[in-house]
Amino acid sequence: MADFDVASVRVNPVAPPPVGADTLAALARASASLVVDQDEDDCLSLPAGLRPLGDRPGNTFLCAPAFTINARPGDNVAVRLGIERAEPGQVLVIAGKADRSRGLIGEIMARKAAARGIAGFVIEGVVRDGAAIGRLDLPVFCLGSALKRATKHGHGDVGYPVAIGNEVVYPGDVVVADLDGTAVVRSAGAAAVAARIEAALAYEADRMRSADAGTLDLGVGGPARS
């Protein structure tokens, strides 16, 4: 780290209040789409282009509190610092300005993050070594892969709110991501959203049974009769 301009990265010294383990466990039972359905104010969706690199259960689902990073496009000094500063169990949410020219992490950095207990990555940008990262038991949601390595000029922010697409993610917000997309639950409303998940799951299961039996009412008056 001494070779990089770490001092140029702004670091928030104040950690967000933790989200309870029971709340995280309840949210982890739901799909990202079900989470987004629960509350328009506290539940939001990130851009649809954020896709997991892997295709196995160990790297296609993510539910964890956000550790936020604002990276200079194509530069990963702030990302490196974030990997060192994040707590085990947090997901690194990286605002990379949707730059696709240089990978913000590669396999080595991904392995270091996994060894530190980082829950995964949501990267508004691209990675290097995408195929290799996709074989790790580490969820990495991003915009794809690039051949060029990141620059090391520095600047950026660690631990402050970040803008991704049309949404703002705050430190401590809960990220729920799967093959359908990436949802974010505001930390202040996470317990209330989690409390609604069990009923929502039961409602969905009942509708699934009705759909399979062909008895589900779609609200349009049933099949047309000739």
C-alpha atoms as a PDB file:
ATOM      1  CA  MET A   1       0.000   0.000   0.000  1.00  0.00           C
ATOM      2  CA  ALA A   2       2.902   2.392   0.586  1.00  0.00           C
ATOM      3  CA  ASP A   3       3.439   2.739  -3.177  1.00  0.00           C
ATOM      4  CA  PHE A   4      -0.049   4.182  -3.693  1.00  0.00           C
ATOM      5  CA  ASP A   5      -1.469   7.589  -2.799  1.00  0.00           C
ATOM      6  CA  VAL A   6      -3.639   6.272   0.021  1.00  0.00           C
ATOM      7  CA  ALA A   7      -3.718   9.690   1.686  1.00  0.00           C
ATOM      8  CA  SER A   8      -5.731  11.034  -1.260  1.00  0.00           C
ATOM      9  CA  VAL A   9      -8.647   8.725  -0.375  1.00  0.00           C
ATOM     10  CA  ARG A  10     -11.186  10.221   2.009  1.00  0.00           C
ATOM     11  CA  VAL A  11     -12.125   7.740   4.766  1.00  0.00           C
ATOM     12  CA  ASN A  12     -15.180   8.120   6.974  1.00  0.00           C
ATOM     13  CA  PRO A  13     -14.120   7.408  10.582  1.00  0.00           C
ATOM     14  CA  VAL A  14     -17.720   6.837  11.730  1.00  0.00           C
ATOM     15  CA  ALA A  15     -19.113   3.330  11.285  1.00  0.00           C
ATOM     16  CA  PRO A  16     -22.867   2.932  10.678  1.00  0.00           C
ATOM     17  CA  PRO A  17     -24.993   1.207  13.338  1.00  0.00           C
ATOM     18  CA  PRO A  18     -25.098  -2.552  12.731  1.00  0.00           C
ATOM     19  CA  VAL A  19     -28.142  -4.344  11.362  1.00  0.00           C
ATOM     20  CA  GLY A  20     -29.322  -7.166  13.619  1.00  0.00           C
ATOM     21  CA  ALA A  21     -28.477 -10.760  12.810  1.00  0.00           C
ATOM     22  CA  ASP A  22     -32.168 -11.761  12.905  1.00  0.00           C
ATOM     23  CA  THR A  23     -32.987  -9.040  10.395  1.00  0.00           C
ATOM     24  CA  LEU A  24     -30.244 -10.195   8.029  1.00  0.00           C
ATOM     25  CA  ALA A  25     -31.361 -13.820   8.361  1.00  0.00           C
ATOM     26  CA  ALA A  26     -34.953 -12.916   7.487  1.00  0.00           C
ATOM     27  CA  LEU A  27     -33.910 -10.849   4.460  1.00  0.00           C
ATOM     28  CA  ALA A  28     -31.655 -13.692   3.289  1.00  0.00           C
ATOM     29  CA  ARG A  29     -34.724 -15.917   2.921  1.00  0.00           C
ATOM     30  CA  ALA A  30     -36.170 -13.654   0.238  1.00  0.00           C
ATOM     31  CA  SER A  31     -35.337 -13.058  -3.395  1.00  0.00           C
ATOM     32  CA  ALA A  32     -34.165  -9.625  -4.488  1.00  0.00           C
ATOM     33  CA  SER A  33     -37.439  -9.063  -6.341  1.00  0.00           C
ATOM     34  CA  LEU A  34     -39.529  -9.976  -3.291  1.00  0.00           C
ATOM     35  CA  VAL A  35     -37.494  -7.568  -1.186  1.00  0.00           C
ATOM     36  CA  VAL A  36     -38.081  -4.710  -3.639  1.00  0.00           C
ATOM     37  CA  ASP A  37     -41.839  -5.395  -3.517  1.00  0.00           C
ATOM     38  CA  GLN A  38     -42.035  -4.714   0.224  1.00  0.00           C
ATOM     39  CA  ASP A  39     -41.593  -0.944   0.477  1.00  0.00           C
ATOM     40  CA  GLU A  40     -41.103   1.756  -2.159  1.00  0.00           C
ATOM     41  CA  ASP A  41     -39.311   4.067   0.270  1.00  0.00           C
ATOM     42  CA  ASP A  42     -36.961   1.644   2.034  1.00  0.00           C
ATOM     43  CA  CYS A  43     -36.382  -0.896  -0.773  1.00  0.00           C
ATOM     44  CA  LEU A  44     -34.766   0.049  -4.072  1.00  0.00           C
ATOM     45  CA  SER A  45     -33.219  -1.676  -7.058  1.00  0.00           C
ATOM     46  CA  LEU A  46     -29.826  -1.036  -8.627  1.00  0.00           C
ATOM     47  CA  PRO A  47     -29.212  -1.096 -12.411  1.00  0.00           C
ATOM     48  CA  ALA A  48     -30.169  -4.334 -14.142  1.00  0.00           C
ATOM     49  CA  GLY A  49     -26.729  -4.701 -15.727  1.00  0.00           C
ATOM     50  CA  LEU A  50     -25.152  -5.784 -12.442  1.00  0.00           C
ATOM     51  CA  ARG A  51     -24.805  -9.540 -12.915  1.00  0.00           C
ATOM     52  CA  PRO A  52     -23.049 -12.264 -10.903  1.00  0.00           C
ATOM     53  CA  LEU A  53     -19.866 -13.677 -12.402  1.00  0.00           C
ATOM     54  CA  GLY A  54     -20.554 -17.216 -11.206  1.00  0.00           C
ATOM     55  CA  ASP A  55     -23.392 -19.642 -11.690  1.00  0.00           C
ATOM     56  CA  ARG A  56     -23.324 -21.631  -8.446  1.00  0.00           C
ATOM     57  CA  PRO A  57     -25.236 -21.111  -5.162  1.00  0.00           C
ATOM     58  CA  GLY A  58     -22.027 -19.938  -3.479  1.00  0.00           C
ATOM     59  CA  ASN A  59     -21.600 -16.970  -5.791  1.00  0.00           C
ATOM     60  CA  THR A  60     -25.041 -16.035  -7.100  1.00  0.00           C
ATOM     61  CA  PHE A  61     -26.728 -14.875  -3.885  1.00  0.00           C
ATOM     62  CA  LEU A  62     -25.733 -12.149  -1.489  1.00  0.00           C
ATOM     63  CA  CYS A  63     -27.293 -10.661   1.633  1.00  0.00           C
ATOM     64  CA  ALA A  64     -25.044  -8.407   3.688  1.00  0.00           C
ATOM     65  CA  PRO A  65     -24.625  -4.840   4.966  1.00  0.00           C
ATOM     66  CA  ALA A  66     -22.918  -2.417   2.598  1.00  0.00           C
ATOM     67  CA  PHE A  67     -19.408  -1.058   2.964  1.00  0.00           C
ATOM     68  CA  THR A  68     -19.393   1.731   0.413  1.00  0.00           C
ATOM     69  CA  ILE A  69     -16.554   2.864  -1.856  1.00  0.00           C
ATOM     70  CA  ASN A  70     -16.499   5.685  -4.373  1.00  0.00           C
ATOM     71  CA  ALA A  71     -13.754   4.877  -6.888  1.00  0.00           C
ATOM     72  CA  ARG A  72     -12.212   7.092  -9.512  1.00  0.00           C
ATOM     73  CA  PRO A  73     -13.154   5.537 -12.897  1.00  0.00           C
ATOM     74  CA  GLY A  74     -10.738   2.701 -13.669  1.00  0.00           C
ATOM     75  CA  ASP A  75      -8.678   3.285 -10.499  1.00  0.00           C
ATOM     76  CA  ASN A  76      -8.613   0.878  -7.559  1.00  0.00           C
ATOM     77  CA  VAL A  77      -6.620   2.550  -4.771  1.00  0.00           C
ATOM     78  CA  ALA A  78      -9.859   3.289  -2.884  1.00  0.00           C
ATOM     79  CA  VAL A  79     -10.979  -0.304  -3.529  1.00  0.00           C
ATOM     80  CA  ARG A  80      -7.746  -1.691  -2.096  1.00  0.00           C
ATOM     81  CA  LEU A  81      -8.178   0.462   0.977  1.00  0.00           C
ATOM     82  CA  GLY A  82     -11.785  -0.671   1.303  1.00  0.00           C
ATOM     83  CA  ILE A  83     -10.802  -4.337   1.245  1.00  0.00           C
ATOM     84  CA  GLU A  84      -8.460  -3.660   4.154  1.00  0.00           C
ATOM     85  CA  ARG A  85     -10.950  -1.518   6.115  1.00  0.00           C
ATOM     86  CA  ALA A  86     -14.204  -3.486   5.671  1.00  0.00           C
ATOM     87  CA  GLU A  87     -15.429  -5.763   8.438  1.00  0.00           C
ATOM     88  CA  PRO A  88     -16.007  -9.488   7.855  1.00  0.00           C
ATOM     89  CA  GLY A  89     -19.551 -10.077   6.658  1.00  0.00           C
ATOM     90  CA  GLN A  90     -19.854  -6.776   4.789  1.00  0.00           C
ATOM     91  CA  VAL A  91     -20.316  -6.440   1.028  1.00  0.00           C
ATOM     92  CA  LEU A  92     -18.168  -3.905  -0.821  1.00  0.00           C
ATOM     93  CA  VAL A  93     -20.473  -1.664  -2.851  1.00  0.00           C
ATOM     94  CA  ILE A  94     -18.268   0.181  -5.332  1.00  0.00           C
ATOM     95  CA  ALA A  95     -19.419   3.172  -7.359  1.00  0.00           C
ATOM     96  CA  GLY A  96     -17.212   3.025 -10.430  1.00  0.00           C
ATOM     97  CA  LYS A  97     -19.155   5.414 -12.704  1.00  0.00           C
ATOM     98  CA  ALA A  98     -20.027   2.438 -14.957  1.00  0.00           C
ATOM     99  CA  ASP A  99     -16.521   2.605 -16.447  1.00  0.00           C
ATOM    100  CA  ARG A 100     -15.750  -0.533 -18.480  1.00  0.00           C
ATOM    101  CA  SER A 101     -12.176   0.227 -19.534  1.00  0.00           C
ATOM    102  CA  ARG A 102     -10.263  -1.288 -16.583  1.00  0.00           C
ATOM    103  CA  GLY A 103     -10.986  -3.998 -14.039  1.00  0.00           C
ATOM    104  CA  LEU A 104     -11.317  -2.647 -10.502  1.00  0.00           C
ATOM    105  CA  ILE A 105     -10.447  -6.019  -8.963  1.00  0.00           C
ATOM    106  CA  GLY A 106      -8.811  -9.206 -10.213  1.00  0.00           C
ATOM    107  CA  GLU A 107      -8.561 -12.744  -8.889  1.00  0.00           C
ATOM    108  CA  ILE A 108      -5.820 -11.912  -6.370  1.00  0.00           C
ATOM    109  CA  MET A 109      -7.764  -9.045  -4.799  1.00  0.00           C
ATOM    110  CA  ALA A 110     -10.919 -11.178  -4.770  1.00  0.00           C
ATOM    111  CA  ARG A 111      -9.069 -13.961  -2.964  1.00  0.00           C
ATOM    112  CA  LYS A 112      -7.710 -11.480  -0.412  1.00  0.00           C
ATOM    113  CA  ALA A 113     -11.238 -10.191   0.220  1.00  0.00           C
ATOM    114  CA  ALA A 114     -12.569 -13.725   0.652  1.00  0.00           C
ATOM    115  CA  ALA A 115      -9.776 -14.542   3.098  1.00  0.00           C
ATOM    116  CA  ARG A 116     -10.758 -11.468   5.152  1.00  0.00           C
ATOM    117  CA  GLY A 117     -14.355 -12.684   5.333  1.00  0.00           C
ATOM    118  CA  ILE A 118     -15.794 -10.081   2.958  1.00  0.00           C
ATOM    119  CA  ALA A 119     -19.273 -11.251   1.932  1.00  0.00           C
ATOM    120  CA  GLY A 120     -18.916 -10.180  -1.706  1.00  0.00           C
ATOM    121  CA  PHE A 121     -18.798  -7.268  -4.139  1.00  0.00           C
ATOM    122  CA  VAL A 122     -21.279  -5.122  -6.006  1.00  0.00           C
ATOM    123  CA  ILE A 123     -19.233  -3.208  -8.562  1.00  0.00           C
ATOM    124  CA  GLU A 124     -20.599  -0.512 -10.838  1.00  0.00           C
ATOM    125  CA  GLY A 125     -17.754  -1.313 -13.192  1.00  0.00           C
ATOM    126  CA  VAL A 126     -15.827  -4.318 -14.456  1.00  0.00           C
ATOM    127  CA  VAL A 127     -13.242  -6.801 -13.189  1.00  0.00           C
ATOM    128  CA  ARG A 128     -10.244  -8.684 -14.528  1.00  0.00           C
ATOM    129  CA  ASP A 129      -9.982 -12.476 -14.354  1.00  0.00           C
ATOM    130  CA  GLY A 130     -13.751 -12.767 -14.508  1.00  0.00           C
ATOM    131  CA  ALA A 131     -13.794 -16.511 -15.215  1.00  0.00           C
ATOM    132  CA  ALA A 132     -11.454 -17.253 -12.307  1.00  0.00           C
ATOM    133  CA  ILE A 133     -13.426 -15.024  -9.923  1.00  0.00           C
ATOM    134  CA  GLY A 134     -16.584 -16.791 -11.054  1.00  0.00           C
ATOM    135  CA  ARG A 135     -15.178 -20.064  -9.755  1.00  0.00           C
ATOM    136  CA  LEU A 136     -14.680 -18.686  -6.250  1.00  0.00           C
ATOM    137  CA  ASP A 137     -17.280 -19.002  -3.496  1.00  0.00           C
ATOM    138  CA  LEU A 138     -17.486 -15.227  -3.458  1.00  0.00           C
ATOM    139  CA  PRO A 139     -20.465 -13.375  -4.949  1.00  0.00           C
ATOM    140  CA  VAL A 140     -19.274 -10.653  -7.316  1.00  0.00           C
ATOM    141  CA  PHE A 141     -21.969  -8.648  -9.108  1.00  0.00           C
ATOM    142  CA  CYS A 142     -20.583  -6.315 -11.760  1.00  0.00           C
ATOM    143  CA  LEU A 143     -20.926  -5.054 -15.337  1.00  0.00           C
ATOM    144  CA  GLY A 144     -18.552  -7.640 -16.868  1.00  0.00           C
ATOM    145  CA  SER A 145     -14.840  -8.102 -17.514  1.00  0.00           C
ATOM    146  CA  ALA A 146     -12.001  -6.097 -19.044  1.00  0.00           C
ATOM    147  CA  LEU A 147      -8.407  -6.931 -19.942  1.00  0.00           C
ATOM    148  CA  LYS A 148      -6.686  -3.821 -18.623  1.00  0.00           C
ATOM    149  CA  ARG A 149      -5.655  -3.519 -14.984  1.00  0.00           C
ATOM    150  CA  ALA A 150      -6.774  -0.586 -12.886  1.00  0.00           C
ATOM    151  CA  THR A 151      -4.696   2.559 -12.520  1.00  0.00           C
ATOM    152  CA  LYS A 152      -3.239   3.445  -9.111  1.00  0.00           C
ATOM    153  CA  HIS A 153      -3.547   7.234  -9.057  1.00  0.00           C
ATOM    154  CA  GLY A 154      -5.655   7.359  -5.907  1.00  0.00           C
ATOM    155  CA  HIS A 155      -8.533   9.625  -4.789  1.00  0.00           C
ATOM    156  CA  GLY A 156     -12.039   8.457  -3.996  1.00  0.00           C
ATOM    157  CA  ASP A 157     -14.037   7.871  -0.823  1.00  0.00           C
ATOM    158  CA  VAL A 158     -14.438   4.996   1.619  1.00  0.00           C
ATOM    159  CA  GLY A 159     -17.410   4.713   3.949  1.00  0.00           C
ATOM    160  CA  TYR A 160     -19.529   7.545   2.519  1.00  0.00           C
ATOM    161  CA  PRO A 161     -22.823   7.384   0.568  1.00  0.00           C
ATOM    162  CA  VAL A 162     -22.330   6.426  -3.088  1.00  0.00           C
ATOM    163  CA  ALA A 163     -24.464   6.962  -6.181  1.00  0.00           C
ATOM    164  CA  ILE A 164     -25.068   3.929  -8.387  1.00  0.00           C
ATOM    165  CA  GLY A 165     -27.368   4.455 -11.326  1.00  0.00           C
ATOM    166  CA  ASN A 166     -30.226   6.627 -10.087  1.00  0.00           C
ATOM    167  CA  GLU A 167     -29.956   5.458  -6.480  1.00  0.00           C
ATOM    168  CA  VAL A 168     -27.825   6.315  -3.455  1.00  0.00           C
ATOM    169  CA  VAL A 169     -26.476   3.542  -1.232  1.00  0.00           C
ATOM    170  CA  TYR A 170     -25.576   4.444   2.331  1.00  0.00           C
ATOM    171  CA  PRO A 171     -23.073   2.652   4.543  1.00  0.00           C
ATOM    172  CA  GLY A 172     -24.877  -0.071   6.454  1.00  0.00           C
ATOM    173  CA  ASP A 173     -27.753  -0.482   3.982  1.00  0.00           C
ATOM    174  CA  VAL A 174     -28.520  -4.149   3.346  1.00  0.00           C
ATOM    175  CA  VAL A 175     -27.785  -5.545  -0.111  1.00  0.00           C
ATOM    176  CA  VAL A 176     -29.814  -8.520  -1.362  1.00  0.00           C
ATOM    177  CA  ALA A 177     -28.634  -9.701  -4.772  1.00  0.00           C
ATOM    178  CA  ASP A 178     -29.383 -12.762  -6.890  1.00  0.00           C
ATOM    179  CA  LEU A 179     -29.704 -13.815 -10.515  1.00  0.00           C
ATOM    180  CA  ASP A 180     -32.648 -11.444 -11.009  1.00  0.00           C
ATOM    181  CA  GLY A 181     -30.951  -8.291  -9.797  1.00  0.00           C
ATOM    182  CA  THR A 182     -29.630  -6.280  -6.886  1.00  0.00           C
ATOM    183  CA  ALA A 183     -31.854  -4.815  -4.185  1.00  0.00           C
ATOM    184  CA  VAL A 184     -30.907  -2.429  -1.393  1.00  0.00           C
ATOM    185  CA  VAL A 185     -32.817  -2.041   1.884  1.00  0.00           C
ATOM    186  CA  ARG A 186     -32.322   1.105   3.928  1.00  0.00           C
ATOM    187  CA  SER A 187     -30.733   0.163   7.234  1.00  0.00           C
ATOM    188  CA  ALA A 188     -33.262   2.218   9.219  1.00  0.00           C
ATOM    189  CA  GLY A 189     -36.170   0.305   7.684  1.00  0.00           C
ATOM    190  CA  ALA A 190     -34.522  -3.112   7.417  1.00  0.00           C
ATOM    191  CA  ALA A 191     -36.148  -4.588  10.537  1.00  0.00           C
ATOM    192  CA  ALA A 192     -39.629  -3.552   9.388  1.00  0.00           C
ATOM    193  CA  VAL A 193     -39.026  -4.966   5.918  1.00  0.00           C
ATOM    194  CA  ALA A 194     -37.685  -8.206   7.399  1.00  0.00           C
ATOM    195  CA  ALA A 195     -40.810  -8.534   9.555  1.00  0.00           C
ATOM    196  CA  ARG A 196     -42.959  -8.538   6.401  1.00  0.00           C
ATOM    197  CA  ILE A 197     -40.863 -11.133   4.596  1.00  0.00           C
ATOM    198  CA  GLU A 198     -42.336 -14.215   6.296  1.00  0.00           C
ATOM    199  CA  ALA A 199     -45.894 -13.257   5.365  1.00  0.00           C
ATOM    200  CA  ALA A 200     -44.774 -12.364   1.847  1.00  0.00           C
ATOM    201  CA  LEU A 201     -43.080 -15.753   1.427  1.00  0.00           C
ATOM    202  CA  ALA A 202     -46.208 -17.571   2.650  1.00  0.00           C
ATOM    203  CA  TYR A 203     -48.381 -15.541   0.257  1.00  0.00           C
ATOM    204  CA  GLU A 204     -46.101 -16.338  -2.676  1.00  0.00           C
ATOM    205  CA  ALA A 205     -46.033 -20.041  -1.815  1.00  0.00           C
ATOM    206  CA  ASP A 206     -49.841 -20.127  -1.746  1.00  0.00           C
ATOM    207  CA  ARG A 207     -50.049 -18.412  -5.135  1.00  0.00           C
ATOM    208  CA  MET A 208     -47.481 -20.836  -6.555  1.00  0.00           C
ATOM    209  CA  ARG A 209     -49.638 -23.779  -5.467  1.00  0.00           C
ATOM    210  CA  SER A 210     -52.706 -22.203  -7.053  1.00  0.00           C
ATOM    211  CA  ALA A 211     -50.769 -21.468 -10.259  1.00  0.00           C
ATOM    212  CA  ASP A 212     -49.562 -25.075 -10.472  1.00  0.00           C
ATOM    213  CA  ALA A 213     -53.121 -26.315  -9.962  1.00  0.00           C
ATOM    214  CA  GLY A 214     -54.439 -23.947 -12.631  1.00  0.00           C
ATOM    215  CA  THR A 215     -56.801 -22.253 -10.171  1.00  0.00           C
ATOM    216  CA  LEU A 216     -54.961 -18.971  -9.701  1.00  0.00           C
ATOM    217  CA  ASP A 217     -57.183 -15.961 -10.375  1.00  0.00           C
ATOM    218  CA  LEU A 218     -55.212 -13.435 -12.434  1.00  0.00           C
ATOM    219  CA  GLY A 219     -57.880 -10.800 -11.904  1.00  0.00           C
ATOM    220  CA  VAL A 220     -59.022 -10.516 -15.504  1.00  0.00           C
ATOM    221  CA  GLY A 221     -62.164 -12.595 -15.355  1.00  0.00           C
ATOM    222  CA  GLY A 222     -60.849 -16.023 -16.313  1.00  0.00           C
ATOM    223  CA  PRO A 223     -60.433 -17.599 -19.784  1.00  0.00           C
ATOM    224  CA  ALA A 224     -62.486 -16.321 -22.694  1.00  0.00           C
ATOM    225  CA  ARG A 225     -65.432 -18.533 -23.635  1.00  0.00           C
ATOM    226  CA  SER A 226     -66.535 -19.064 -27.234  1.00  0.00           C
END
